[in-house]
Amino acid sequence: MIKGNVTLCGKISHAATLRPNKKGEVYTNFTMKVSLPSGAGSTKDCYVFVRKKGGTANILDQYPVDTFVEITGVLTFRKSREELYMNLTADSVTCCEGEIKQGINGDIEFYGTVGTIPEIKDDKHGNKYLYFSGFSSEQSGEERVFTWVRFVRFSGEKETFLEKGNGVHLVGALDILFYNGRLSLGCRFKEVLPWGKKKEESE
């Protein structure tokens, strides 16, 4: 499981609608377009599906298309084949006058498996950092899909349970961008704990 507590700044790209859930509770729904880094100083647009509890008949006036908005809430991710989709359950939505700097900022929480061997490396200034990747898996239709996250911590220390194949729970700052044309998730983690399964010991 991967989720984030974030602030998202972007532009409403599709008209807002009202939809009830299975309990009959009404939600306001709309889609946002957000520009994210894509390397070499360039950006690429992605879309985030937003929902907020409540809503009235004048939602088209409240959330007009092409309006820039700042939203706080819980961001979740859904993988389908090789594409990663984002859904945001909003706590607050603020419409902004004029253009604003776009992006997604906040912390993410990760429950999953260490997928590569954690390594302590040196940056170009000789400072040590810990780097590895992990994955979270979920069922999507008839297939099992895996969402990978890059993890880094600027420290020369490594916990003994941080081994490839072990389950971990991590919390840290979200780093989201496009890499080779696809959304890529990263985390500058500040908390890590063992979680769930441990890798099988070799006989």
N, C-alpha and C. Protein backbone atom coordinates (compact mmCIF):
# COMPACT_ATOMS: atom_id res chain seq x y z
N MET A 1 0.85 -1.19 0.00
CA MET A 1 0.00 0.00 0.00
C MET A 1 0.89 1.24 0.00
N ILE A 2 0.50 2.19 -0.83
CA ILE A 2 1.21 3.47 -0.90
C ILE A 2 0.17 4.58 -0.85
N LYS A 3 0.35 5.53 0.06
CA LYS A 3 -0.55 6.69 0.08
C LYS A 3 0.24 7.91 0.53
N GLY A 4 -0.26 9.08 0.13
CA GLY A 4 0.43 10.31 0.48
C GLY A 4 -0.50 11.34 1.10
N ASN A 5 0.03 12.11 2.03
CA ASN A 5 -0.67 13.31 2.52
C ASN A 5 -0.02 14.50 1.83
N VAL A 6 -0.71 15.09 0.87
CA VAL A 6 -0.06 16.01 -0.05
C VAL A 6 -0.84 17.31 -0.24
N THR A 7 -0.12 18.26 -0.83
CA THR A 7 -0.74 19.46 -1.40
C THR A 7 -0.49 19.42 -2.89
N LEU A 8 -1.54 19.55 -3.66
CA LEU A 8 -1.46 19.45 -5.11
C LEU A 8 -1.89 20.79 -5.71
N CYS A 9 -1.09 21.30 -6.61
CA CYS A 9 -1.42 22.55 -7.31
C CYS A 9 -1.47 22.28 -8.81
N GLY A 10 -2.57 22.63 -9.43
CA GLY A 10 -2.73 22.39 -10.86
C GLY A 10 -3.97 23.07 -11.39
N LYS A 11 -4.44 22.60 -12.54
CA LYS A 11 -5.55 23.23 -13.23
C LYS A 11 -6.68 22.22 -13.46
N ILE A 12 -7.92 22.63 -13.20
CA ILE A 12 -9.06 21.77 -13.47
C ILE A 12 -9.18 21.57 -14.98
N SER A 13 -9.21 20.30 -15.39
CA SER A 13 -9.19 20.01 -16.83
C SER A 13 -10.52 19.49 -17.36
N HIS A 14 -11.37 18.96 -16.48
CA HIS A 14 -12.67 18.43 -16.90
C HIS A 14 -13.75 18.94 -15.95
N ALA A 15 -14.95 19.10 -16.46
CA ALA A 15 -16.06 19.66 -15.69
C ALA A 15 -16.39 18.80 -14.47
N ALA A 16 -16.68 19.46 -13.35
CA ALA A 16 -17.01 18.77 -12.11
C ALA A 16 -18.40 18.14 -12.21
N THR A 17 -18.55 16.99 -11.53
CA THR A 17 -19.84 16.30 -11.49
C THR A 17 -20.14 15.89 -10.05
N LEU A 18 -21.40 15.63 -9.77
CA LEU A 18 -21.82 15.10 -8.47
C LEU A 18 -22.14 13.62 -8.63
N ARG A 19 -21.59 12.79 -7.72
CA ARG A 19 -21.86 11.36 -7.78
C ARG A 19 -22.06 10.82 -6.37
N PRO A 20 -23.07 9.95 -6.20
CA PRO A 20 -23.25 9.31 -4.88
C PRO A 20 -22.41 8.04 -4.81
N ASN A 21 -22.00 7.68 -3.58
CA ASN A 21 -21.34 6.38 -3.42
C ASN A 21 -22.40 5.33 -3.07
N LYS A 22 -21.95 4.13 -2.69
CA LYS A 22 -22.90 3.05 -2.43
C LYS A 22 -23.76 3.32 -1.21
N LYS A 23 -23.29 4.21 -0.33
CA LYS A 23 -24.06 4.55 0.86
C LYS A 23 -25.01 5.73 0.62
N GLY A 24 -24.99 6.26 -0.61
CA GLY A 24 -25.83 7.40 -0.92
C GLY A 24 -25.21 8.74 -0.59
N GLU A 25 -23.95 8.75 -0.14
CA GLU A 25 -23.26 10.00 0.18
C GLU A 25 -22.79 10.66 -1.12
N VAL A 26 -23.00 11.97 -1.23
CA VAL A 26 -22.68 12.68 -2.46
C VAL A 26 -21.23 13.18 -2.43
N TYR A 27 -20.55 13.03 -3.56
CA TYR A 27 -19.18 13.52 -3.70
C TYR A 27 -19.06 14.38 -4.95
N THR A 28 -18.26 15.44 -4.84
CA THR A 28 -17.88 16.24 -6.00
C THR A 28 -16.66 15.60 -6.65
N ASN A 29 -16.73 15.40 -7.97
CA ASN A 29 -15.64 14.76 -8.70
C ASN A 29 -15.19 15.64 -9.87
N PHE A 30 -13.87 15.75 -10.05
CA PHE A 30 -13.34 16.41 -11.24
C PHE A 30 -11.91 15.93 -11.48
N THR A 31 -11.38 16.28 -12.64
CA THR A 31 -10.03 15.87 -13.02
C THR A 31 -9.14 17.09 -13.11
N MET A 32 -7.91 16.93 -12.62
CA MET A 32 -6.93 18.02 -12.67
C MET A 32 -5.76 17.64 -13.57
N LYS A 33 -5.19 18.67 -14.19
CA LYS A 33 -3.96 18.50 -14.97
C LYS A 33 -2.83 19.15 -14.19
N VAL A 34 -1.74 18.40 -14.00
CA VAL A 34 -0.61 18.88 -13.22
C VAL A 34 0.68 18.67 -14.02
N SER A 35 1.52 19.70 -14.06
CA SER A 35 2.82 19.60 -14.73
C SER A 35 3.86 19.11 -13.73
N LEU A 36 4.59 18.05 -14.10
CA LEU A 36 5.62 17.48 -13.24
C LEU A 36 6.96 17.45 -13.98
N PRO A 37 8.07 17.45 -13.23
CA PRO A 37 9.39 17.42 -13.88
C PRO A 37 9.56 16.21 -14.78
N SER A 38 10.26 16.43 -15.89
CA SER A 38 10.49 15.36 -16.85
C SER A 38 11.93 15.33 -17.33
N GLY A 39 12.84 15.88 -16.52
CA GLY A 39 14.25 15.84 -16.85
C GLY A 39 14.70 17.00 -17.72
N ALA A 40 15.96 17.40 -17.55
CA ALA A 40 16.58 18.46 -18.36
C ALA A 40 15.78 19.76 -18.34
N GLY A 41 15.17 20.07 -17.19
CA GLY A 41 14.43 21.32 -17.05
C GLY A 41 13.07 21.35 -17.72
N SER A 42 12.63 20.23 -18.29
CA SER A 42 11.33 20.19 -18.97
C SER A 42 10.27 19.62 -18.04
N THR A 43 9.00 19.73 -18.45
CA THR A 43 7.89 19.18 -17.67
C THR A 43 6.96 18.40 -18.59
N LYS A 44 6.11 17.59 -17.97
CA LYS A 44 5.13 16.81 -18.71
C LYS A 44 3.85 16.80 -17.88
N ASP A 45 2.70 16.85 -18.56
CA ASP A 45 1.42 16.90 -17.87
C ASP A 45 0.94 15.50 -17.49
N CYS A 46 0.35 15.41 -16.31
CA CYS A 46 -0.33 14.19 -15.90
C CYS A 46 -1.72 14.58 -15.37
N TYR A 47 -2.55 13.59 -15.15
CA TYR A 47 -3.92 13.86 -14.69
C TYR A 47 -4.17 13.17 -13.36
N VAL A 48 -4.86 13.88 -12.48
CA VAL A 48 -5.20 13.37 -11.16
C VAL A 48 -6.71 13.43 -11.01
N PHE A 49 -7.30 12.33 -10.58
CA PHE A 49 -8.75 12.25 -10.39
C PHE A 49 -9.06 12.64 -8.94
N VAL A 50 -9.88 13.68 -8.78
CA VAL A 50 -10.15 14.26 -7.46
C VAL A 50 -11.59 14.02 -7.05
N ARG A 51 -11.78 13.72 -5.77
CA ARG A 51 -13.14 13.67 -5.24
C ARG A 51 -13.14 14.31 -3.86
N LYS A 52 -14.24 14.99 -3.54
CA LYS A 52 -14.40 15.67 -2.25
C LYS A 52 -15.81 15.44 -1.75
N LYS A 53 -15.93 15.07 -0.50
CA LYS A 53 -17.24 14.77 0.06
C LYS A 53 -18.11 16.03 0.07
N GLY A 54 -19.37 15.84 -0.34
CA GLY A 54 -20.31 16.95 -0.38
C GLY A 54 -20.36 17.59 -1.76
N GLY A 55 -21.23 18.56 -1.90
CA GLY A 55 -21.36 19.25 -3.17
C GLY A 55 -22.78 19.76 -3.37
N THR A 56 -22.91 20.82 -4.17
CA THR A 56 -24.21 21.42 -4.45
C THR A 56 -24.39 21.54 -5.96
N ALA A 57 -25.58 21.94 -6.34
CA ALA A 57 -25.92 21.99 -7.77
C ALA A 57 -25.10 23.01 -8.55
N ASN A 58 -24.47 23.96 -7.86
CA ASN A 58 -23.70 24.99 -8.57
C ASN A 58 -22.21 24.66 -8.65
N ILE A 59 -21.87 23.37 -8.69
CA ILE A 59 -20.45 23.00 -8.69
C ILE A 59 -19.71 23.50 -9.93
N LEU A 60 -20.42 23.67 -11.05
CA LEU A 60 -19.75 24.17 -12.25
C LEU A 60 -19.29 25.61 -12.05
N ASP A 61 -20.01 26.35 -11.20
CA ASP A 61 -19.58 27.71 -10.87
C ASP A 61 -18.48 27.69 -9.81
N GLN A 62 -18.54 26.70 -8.90
CA GLN A 62 -17.52 26.59 -7.85
C GLN A 62 -16.17 26.16 -8.41
N TYR A 63 -16.21 25.21 -9.36
CA TYR A 63 -14.98 24.63 -9.89
C TYR A 63 -14.97 24.69 -11.42
N PRO A 64 -14.85 25.89 -11.99
CA PRO A 64 -14.89 26.00 -13.45
C PRO A 64 -13.62 25.41 -14.09
N VAL A 65 -13.79 24.86 -15.28
CA VAL A 65 -12.67 24.30 -16.05
C VAL A 65 -11.64 25.40 -16.33
N ASP A 66 -10.37 25.02 -16.30
CA ASP A 66 -9.22 25.90 -16.54
C ASP A 66 -8.88 26.80 -15.35
N THR A 67 -9.55 26.58 -14.22
CA THR A 67 -9.20 27.32 -13.00
C THR A 67 -8.05 26.63 -12.29
N PHE A 68 -7.08 27.42 -11.80
CA PHE A 68 -6.00 26.86 -11.00
C PHE A 68 -6.49 26.67 -9.57
N VAL A 69 -6.15 25.52 -8.99
CA VAL A 69 -6.60 25.21 -7.63
C VAL A 69 -5.45 24.62 -6.82
N GLU A 70 -5.55 24.80 -5.51
CA GLU A 70 -4.64 24.16 -4.56
C GLU A 70 -5.47 23.24 -3.69
N ILE A 71 -5.07 21.97 -3.63
CA ILE A 71 -5.86 20.96 -2.94
C ILE A 71 -4.97 20.24 -1.92
N THR A 72 -5.49 20.04 -0.72
CA THR A 72 -4.84 19.18 0.26
C THR A 72 -5.69 17.94 0.44
N GLY A 73 -5.03 16.80 0.67
CA GLY A 73 -5.77 15.57 0.86
C GLY A 73 -4.89 14.34 0.80
N VAL A 74 -5.53 13.20 0.62
CA VAL A 74 -4.84 11.91 0.61
C VAL A 74 -4.74 11.40 -0.82
N LEU A 75 -3.51 11.18 -1.27
CA LEU A 75 -3.23 10.73 -2.63
C LEU A 75 -2.98 9.22 -2.61
N THR A 76 -3.67 8.50 -3.50
CA THR A 76 -3.45 7.07 -3.65
C THR A 76 -3.10 6.76 -5.10
N PHE A 77 -2.55 5.57 -5.31
CA PHE A 77 -2.04 5.20 -6.63
C PHE A 77 -2.67 3.88 -7.07
N ARG A 78 -2.97 3.80 -8.37
CA ARG A 78 -3.53 2.58 -8.94
C ARG A 78 -2.73 2.22 -10.18
N LYS A 79 -2.22 1.01 -10.22
CA LYS A 79 -1.43 0.55 -11.36
C LYS A 79 -2.30 -0.34 -12.24
N SER A 80 -2.27 -0.09 -13.53
CA SER A 80 -2.95 -0.93 -14.50
C SER A 80 -1.99 -1.19 -15.64
N ARG A 81 -1.61 -2.45 -15.80
CA ARG A 81 -0.55 -2.81 -16.73
C ARG A 81 0.69 -1.99 -16.39
N GLU A 82 1.18 -1.16 -17.27
CA GLU A 82 2.39 -0.38 -16.97
C GLU A 82 2.09 1.08 -16.61
N GLU A 83 0.81 1.44 -16.59
CA GLU A 83 0.45 2.83 -16.32
C GLU A 83 0.10 3.02 -14.85
N LEU A 84 0.51 4.16 -14.31
CA LEU A 84 0.24 4.50 -12.92
C LEU A 84 -0.76 5.66 -12.89
N TYR A 85 -1.86 5.46 -12.17
CA TYR A 85 -2.91 6.47 -12.08
C TYR A 85 -2.98 7.00 -10.65
N MET A 86 -3.38 8.28 -10.52
CA MET A 86 -3.44 8.91 -9.21
C MET A 86 -4.85 9.37 -8.90
N ASN A 87 -5.26 9.13 -7.64
CA ASN A 87 -6.56 9.56 -7.14
C ASN A 87 -6.36 10.34 -5.85
N LEU A 88 -7.04 11.47 -5.74
CA LEU A 88 -6.88 12.33 -4.57
C LEU A 88 -8.23 12.53 -3.89
N THR A 89 -8.32 12.12 -2.62
CA THR A 89 -9.50 12.41 -1.80
C THR A 89 -9.22 13.71 -1.07
N ALA A 90 -9.93 14.76 -1.44
CA ALA A 90 -9.61 16.12 -0.99
C ALA A 90 -10.19 16.44 0.37
N ASP A 91 -9.38 17.09 1.20
CA ASP A 91 -9.87 17.68 2.45
C ASP A 91 -10.29 19.13 2.21
N SER A 92 -9.52 19.84 1.39
CA SER A 92 -9.85 21.23 1.08
C SER A 92 -9.48 21.54 -0.36
N VAL A 93 -10.25 22.41 -1.00
CA VAL A 93 -10.01 22.85 -2.36
C VAL A 93 -10.08 24.37 -2.38
N THR A 94 -8.98 25.02 -2.81
CA THR A 94 -8.94 26.47 -2.87
C THR A 94 -8.72 26.92 -4.31
N CYS A 95 -9.65 27.65 -4.87
CA CYS A 95 -9.49 28.20 -6.22
C CYS A 95 -8.57 29.42 -6.15
N CYS A 96 -7.65 29.51 -7.11
CA CYS A 96 -6.64 30.58 -7.10
C CYS A 96 -6.90 31.55 -8.26
N GLU A 97 -6.60 32.79 -8.03
CA GLU A 97 -6.71 33.78 -9.09
C GLU A 97 -5.40 33.80 -9.87
N GLY A 98 -5.48 33.52 -11.15
CA GLY A 98 -4.29 33.51 -11.98
C GLY A 98 -3.52 32.21 -11.87
N GLU A 99 -2.41 32.15 -12.57
CA GLU A 99 -1.60 30.93 -12.66
C GLU A 99 -0.75 30.76 -11.41
N ILE A 100 -0.55 29.49 -10.99
CA ILE A 100 0.27 29.16 -9.83
C ILE A 100 1.31 28.11 -10.23
N LYS A 101 2.33 27.96 -9.39
CA LYS A 101 3.34 26.95 -9.64
C LYS A 101 2.73 25.57 -9.40
N GLN A 102 2.83 24.70 -10.41
CA GLN A 102 2.19 23.40 -10.33
C GLN A 102 3.13 22.36 -9.71
N GLY A 103 2.52 21.35 -9.08
CA GLY A 103 3.31 20.28 -8.51
C GLY A 103 2.54 19.51 -7.46
N ILE A 104 3.18 18.46 -6.94
CA ILE A 104 2.62 17.63 -5.88
C ILE A 104 3.68 17.53 -4.79
N ASN A 105 3.37 17.99 -3.59
CA ASN A 105 4.33 18.00 -2.49
C ASN A 105 3.69 17.44 -1.23
N GLY A 106 4.50 16.72 -0.46
CA GLY A 106 4.01 16.15 0.79
C GLY A 106 4.77 14.90 1.15
N ASP A 107 4.21 14.14 2.06
CA ASP A 107 4.83 12.90 2.53
C ASP A 107 4.08 11.69 2.00
N ILE A 108 4.80 10.57 1.83
CA ILE A 108 4.13 9.32 1.49
C ILE A 108 4.44 8.27 2.54
N GLU A 109 3.52 7.31 2.63
CA GLU A 109 3.66 6.18 3.53
C GLU A 109 3.63 4.92 2.67
N PHE A 110 4.60 4.04 2.90
CA PHE A 110 4.79 2.87 2.04
C PHE A 110 4.82 1.61 2.87
N TYR A 111 4.00 0.63 2.48
CA TYR A 111 4.07 -0.72 3.03
C TYR A 111 4.38 -1.66 1.87
N GLY A 112 5.51 -2.34 1.93
CA GLY A 112 5.87 -3.20 0.81
C GLY A 112 7.14 -3.99 1.08
N THR A 113 7.84 -4.31 0.00
CA THR A 113 9.00 -5.21 0.05
C THR A 113 10.23 -4.52 -0.51
N VAL A 114 11.36 -4.71 0.16
CA VAL A 114 12.64 -4.22 -0.38
C VAL A 114 12.96 -5.03 -1.63
N GLY A 115 13.10 -4.34 -2.76
CA GLY A 115 13.24 -5.04 -4.04
C GLY A 115 14.66 -5.09 -4.59
N THR A 116 15.55 -4.22 -4.09
CA THR A 116 16.95 -4.25 -4.52
C THR A 116 17.83 -4.23 -3.27
N ILE A 117 19.09 -4.57 -3.44
CA ILE A 117 20.02 -4.60 -2.30
C ILE A 117 20.31 -3.17 -1.86
N PRO A 118 20.00 -2.80 -0.62
CA PRO A 118 20.32 -1.45 -0.15
C PRO A 118 21.83 -1.20 -0.15
N GLU A 119 22.22 -0.06 -0.71
CA GLU A 119 23.64 0.26 -0.84
C GLU A 119 23.93 1.63 -0.24
N ILE A 120 25.08 1.73 0.42
CA ILE A 120 25.57 3.03 0.89
C ILE A 120 26.54 3.56 -0.16
N LYS A 121 26.23 4.75 -0.69
CA LYS A 121 27.01 5.32 -1.77
C LYS A 121 27.54 6.70 -1.36
N ASP A 122 28.40 7.26 -2.20
CA ASP A 122 28.92 8.61 -1.99
C ASP A 122 28.41 9.53 -3.10
N ASP A 123 27.94 10.73 -2.71
CA ASP A 123 27.56 11.69 -3.73
C ASP A 123 28.80 12.43 -4.23
N LYS A 124 28.60 13.39 -5.13
CA LYS A 124 29.75 14.06 -5.75
C LYS A 124 30.54 14.91 -4.77
N HIS A 125 29.95 15.16 -3.58
CA HIS A 125 30.66 15.94 -2.56
C HIS A 125 31.28 15.04 -1.49
N GLY A 126 31.17 13.73 -1.70
CA GLY A 126 31.73 12.80 -0.74
C GLY A 126 30.83 12.48 0.43
N ASN A 127 29.58 12.96 0.40
CA ASN A 127 28.63 12.66 1.47
C ASN A 127 27.96 11.32 1.22
N LYS A 128 27.78 10.54 2.26
CA LYS A 128 27.22 9.20 2.11
C LYS A 128 25.69 9.23 2.12
N TYR A 129 25.10 8.32 1.34
CA TYR A 129 23.66 8.18 1.35
C TYR A 129 23.29 6.71 1.13
N LEU A 130 22.13 6.34 1.64
CA LEU A 130 21.61 4.98 1.50
C LEU A 130 20.57 4.97 0.39
N TYR A 131 20.66 4.00 -0.52
CA TYR A 131 19.76 3.96 -1.67
C TYR A 131 19.29 2.54 -1.93
N PHE A 132 17.99 2.40 -2.22
CA PHE A 132 17.43 1.12 -2.65
C PHE A 132 16.06 1.38 -3.25
N SER A 133 15.46 0.35 -3.81
CA SER A 133 14.09 0.44 -4.34
C SER A 133 13.23 -0.61 -3.67
N GLY A 134 11.93 -0.31 -3.57
CA GLY A 134 10.99 -1.27 -3.01
C GLY A 134 9.72 -1.29 -3.84
N PHE A 135 8.92 -2.33 -3.65
CA PHE A 135 7.67 -2.42 -4.41
C PHE A 135 6.51 -2.80 -3.50
N SER A 136 5.34 -2.30 -3.88
CA SER A 136 4.08 -2.66 -3.25
C SER A 136 3.23 -3.36 -4.30
N SER A 137 2.57 -4.43 -3.93
CA SER A 137 1.81 -5.20 -4.92
C SER A 137 0.32 -5.18 -4.57
N GLU A 138 -0.49 -5.29 -5.62
CA GLU A 138 -1.94 -5.34 -5.44
C GLU A 138 -2.56 -6.07 -6.63
N GLN A 139 -3.78 -6.53 -6.43
CA GLN A 139 -4.50 -7.21 -7.48
C GLN A 139 -5.21 -6.20 -8.37
N SER A 140 -5.04 -6.32 -9.68
CA SER A 140 -5.73 -5.47 -10.65
C SER A 140 -6.40 -6.38 -11.67
N GLY A 141 -7.70 -6.59 -11.48
CA GLY A 141 -8.39 -7.55 -12.34
C GLY A 141 -7.86 -8.95 -12.09
N GLU A 142 -7.37 -9.60 -13.12
CA GLU A 142 -6.86 -10.96 -12.99
C GLU A 142 -5.34 -11.01 -12.82
N GLU A 143 -4.70 -9.84 -12.82
CA GLU A 143 -3.24 -9.85 -12.70
C GLU A 143 -2.77 -9.16 -11.44
N ARG A 144 -1.57 -9.53 -11.01
CA ARG A 144 -0.91 -8.90 -9.87
C ARG A 144 0.01 -7.83 -10.41
N VAL A 145 -0.13 -6.60 -9.89
CA VAL A 145 0.69 -5.49 -10.39
C VAL A 145 1.60 -5.01 -9.27
N PHE A 146 2.73 -4.44 -9.67
CA PHE A 146 3.75 -4.02 -8.72
C PHE A 146 4.11 -2.55 -8.98
N THR A 147 4.02 -1.74 -7.93
CA THR A 147 4.38 -0.33 -8.01
C THR A 147 5.70 -0.13 -7.28
N TRP A 148 6.71 0.38 -8.01
CA TRP A 148 8.05 0.53 -7.45
C TRP A 148 8.26 1.97 -6.97
N VAL A 149 9.04 2.09 -5.90
CA VAL A 149 9.40 3.39 -5.33
C VAL A 149 10.90 3.41 -5.07
N ARG A 150 11.56 4.52 -5.43
CA ARG A 150 12.98 4.72 -5.13
C ARG A 150 13.10 5.34 -3.73
N PHE A 151 14.00 4.81 -2.92
CA PHE A 151 14.19 5.33 -1.56
C PHE A 151 15.63 5.80 -1.36
N VAL A 152 15.76 6.96 -0.71
CA VAL A 152 17.09 7.49 -0.40
C VAL A 152 17.06 8.14 0.97
N ARG A 153 18.16 7.99 1.70
CA ARG A 153 18.34 8.69 2.98
C ARG A 153 19.79 9.14 3.05
N PHE A 154 20.01 10.40 3.37
CA PHE A 154 21.37 10.94 3.39
C PHE A 154 22.01 10.60 4.73
N SER A 155 22.55 9.39 4.77
CA SER A 155 23.17 8.84 5.97
C SER A 155 24.06 7.67 5.57
N GLY A 156 25.09 7.43 6.35
CA GLY A 156 25.96 6.28 6.10
C GLY A 156 25.58 5.07 6.91
N GLU A 157 24.38 5.07 7.49
CA GLU A 157 23.94 3.96 8.32
C GLU A 157 22.85 3.16 7.61
N LYS A 158 22.77 1.87 7.98
CA LYS A 158 21.74 1.00 7.41
C LYS A 158 21.24 0.05 8.49
N GLU A 159 19.92 -0.01 8.65
CA GLU A 159 19.33 -0.92 9.62
C GLU A 159 19.55 -2.37 9.19
N THR A 160 19.70 -3.26 10.17
CA THR A 160 20.00 -4.66 9.85
C THR A 160 18.86 -5.35 9.11
N PHE A 161 17.62 -4.92 9.35
CA PHE A 161 16.48 -5.57 8.68
C PHE A 161 16.28 -5.07 7.25
N LEU A 162 17.04 -4.04 6.84
CA LEU A 162 16.91 -3.55 5.47
C LEU A 162 17.69 -4.47 4.53
N GLU A 163 17.04 -5.54 4.12
CA GLU A 163 17.62 -6.51 3.21
C GLU A 163 16.62 -6.81 2.09
N LYS A 164 17.14 -7.11 0.93
CA LYS A 164 16.29 -7.45 -0.20
C LYS A 164 15.37 -8.61 0.17
N GLY A 165 14.07 -8.43 -0.09
CA GLY A 165 13.08 -9.46 0.20
C GLY A 165 12.32 -9.27 1.48
N ASN A 166 12.80 -8.37 2.37
CA ASN A 166 12.10 -8.13 3.63
C ASN A 166 10.99 -7.10 3.46
N GLY A 167 9.93 -7.23 4.27
CA GLY A 167 8.85 -6.26 4.28
C GLY A 167 9.22 -5.06 5.13
N VAL A 168 8.83 -3.87 4.68
CA VAL A 168 9.17 -2.64 5.41
C VAL A 168 8.01 -1.65 5.36
N HIS A 169 8.00 -0.77 6.34
CA HIS A 169 7.08 0.36 6.40
C HIS A 169 7.95 1.61 6.44
N LEU A 170 7.81 2.48 5.43
CA LEU A 170 8.62 3.69 5.34
C LEU A 170 7.74 4.92 5.24
N VAL A 171 8.23 6.03 5.80
CA VAL A 171 7.56 7.33 5.71
C VAL A 171 8.60 8.37 5.34
N GLY A 172 8.25 9.25 4.40
CA GLY A 172 9.18 10.31 4.02
C GLY A 172 8.60 11.24 2.98
N ALA A 173 9.43 12.15 2.48
CA ALA A 173 8.99 13.16 1.52
C ALA A 173 8.82 12.54 0.13
N LEU A 174 7.71 12.85 -0.51
CA LEU A 174 7.40 12.35 -1.84
C LEU A 174 8.24 13.05 -2.90
N ASP A 175 8.75 12.27 -3.83
CA ASP A 175 9.45 12.79 -5.01
C ASP A 175 8.82 12.13 -6.22
N ILE A 176 8.07 12.91 -7.00
CA ILE A 176 7.34 12.34 -8.13
C ILE A 176 7.70 13.10 -9.41
N LEU A 177 8.03 12.33 -10.45
CA LEU A 177 8.45 12.93 -11.72
C LEU A 177 8.22 11.93 -12.85
N PHE A 178 8.48 12.39 -14.07
CA PHE A 178 8.43 11.49 -15.22
C PHE A 178 9.83 11.01 -15.55
N TYR A 179 9.96 9.70 -15.79
CA TYR A 179 11.23 9.12 -16.21
C TYR A 179 10.96 8.21 -17.40
N ASN A 180 11.62 8.50 -18.51
CA ASN A 180 11.38 7.76 -19.76
C ASN A 180 9.89 7.77 -20.13
N GLY A 181 9.25 8.91 -19.87
CA GLY A 181 7.86 9.08 -20.28
C GLY A 181 6.83 8.51 -19.34
N ARG A 182 7.26 7.88 -18.23
CA ARG A 182 6.31 7.28 -17.28
C ARG A 182 6.49 7.89 -15.90
N LEU A 183 5.40 7.91 -15.13
CA LEU A 183 5.48 8.42 -13.77
C LEU A 183 6.40 7.55 -12.93
N SER A 184 7.24 8.20 -12.14
CA SER A 184 8.19 7.50 -11.28
C SER A 184 8.08 8.07 -9.88
N LEU A 185 8.00 7.17 -8.87
CA LEU A 185 7.84 7.58 -7.48
C LEU A 185 9.14 7.43 -6.72
N GLY A 186 9.46 8.44 -5.91
CA GLY A 186 10.62 8.38 -5.04
C GLY A 186 10.25 8.87 -3.65
N CYS A 187 11.12 8.58 -2.67
CA CYS A 187 10.85 8.97 -1.30
C CYS A 187 12.17 9.23 -0.59
N ARG A 188 12.31 10.42 -0.03
CA ARG A 188 13.44 10.73 0.84
C ARG A 188 12.99 10.37 2.25
N PHE A 189 13.28 9.12 2.63
CA PHE A 189 12.63 8.59 3.83
C PHE A 189 13.32 9.04 5.11
N LYS A 190 12.48 9.17 6.16
CA LYS A 190 12.98 9.59 7.46
C LYS A 190 12.61 8.60 8.56
N GLU A 191 11.69 7.70 8.26
CA GLU A 191 11.32 6.65 9.21
C GLU A 191 11.25 5.32 8.46
N VAL A 192 11.76 4.25 9.09
CA VAL A 192 11.67 2.92 8.50
C VAL A 192 11.55 1.90 9.62
N LEU A 193 10.61 0.96 9.42
CA LEU A 193 10.37 -0.11 10.39
C LEU A 193 10.18 -1.42 9.65
N PRO A 194 10.52 -2.55 10.29
CA PRO A 194 10.19 -3.83 9.66
C PRO A 194 8.68 -4.01 9.62
N TRP A 195 8.19 -4.69 8.62
CA TRP A 195 6.75 -4.89 8.45
C TRP A 195 6.50 -6.18 7.68
N GLY A 196 5.48 -6.91 8.09
CA GLY A 196 5.05 -8.07 7.33
C GLY A 196 6.10 -9.16 7.24
N LYS A 197 6.27 -9.67 6.03
CA LYS A 197 7.09 -10.86 5.83
C LYS A 197 8.59 -10.56 5.88
N LYS A 198 9.34 -11.62 6.22
CA LYS A 198 10.79 -11.62 6.09
C LYS A 198 11.16 -12.61 5.00
N LYS A 199 12.28 -12.35 4.34
CA LYS A 199 12.69 -13.25 3.28
C LYS A 199 13.02 -14.62 3.89
N GLU A 200 12.83 -15.67 3.10
CA GLU A 200 13.13 -17.00 3.59
C GLU A 200 14.63 -17.16 3.73
N GLU A 201 15.04 -17.73 4.85
CA GLU A 201 16.46 -17.96 5.09
C GLU A 201 16.94 -19.12 4.22
N SER A 202 18.14 -18.97 3.67
CA SER A 202 18.72 -20.04 2.87
C SER A 202 19.09 -21.22 3.75
N GLU A 203 18.87 -22.40 3.24
CA GLU A 203 19.21 -23.61 4.01
C GLU A 203 20.71 -23.91 3.85
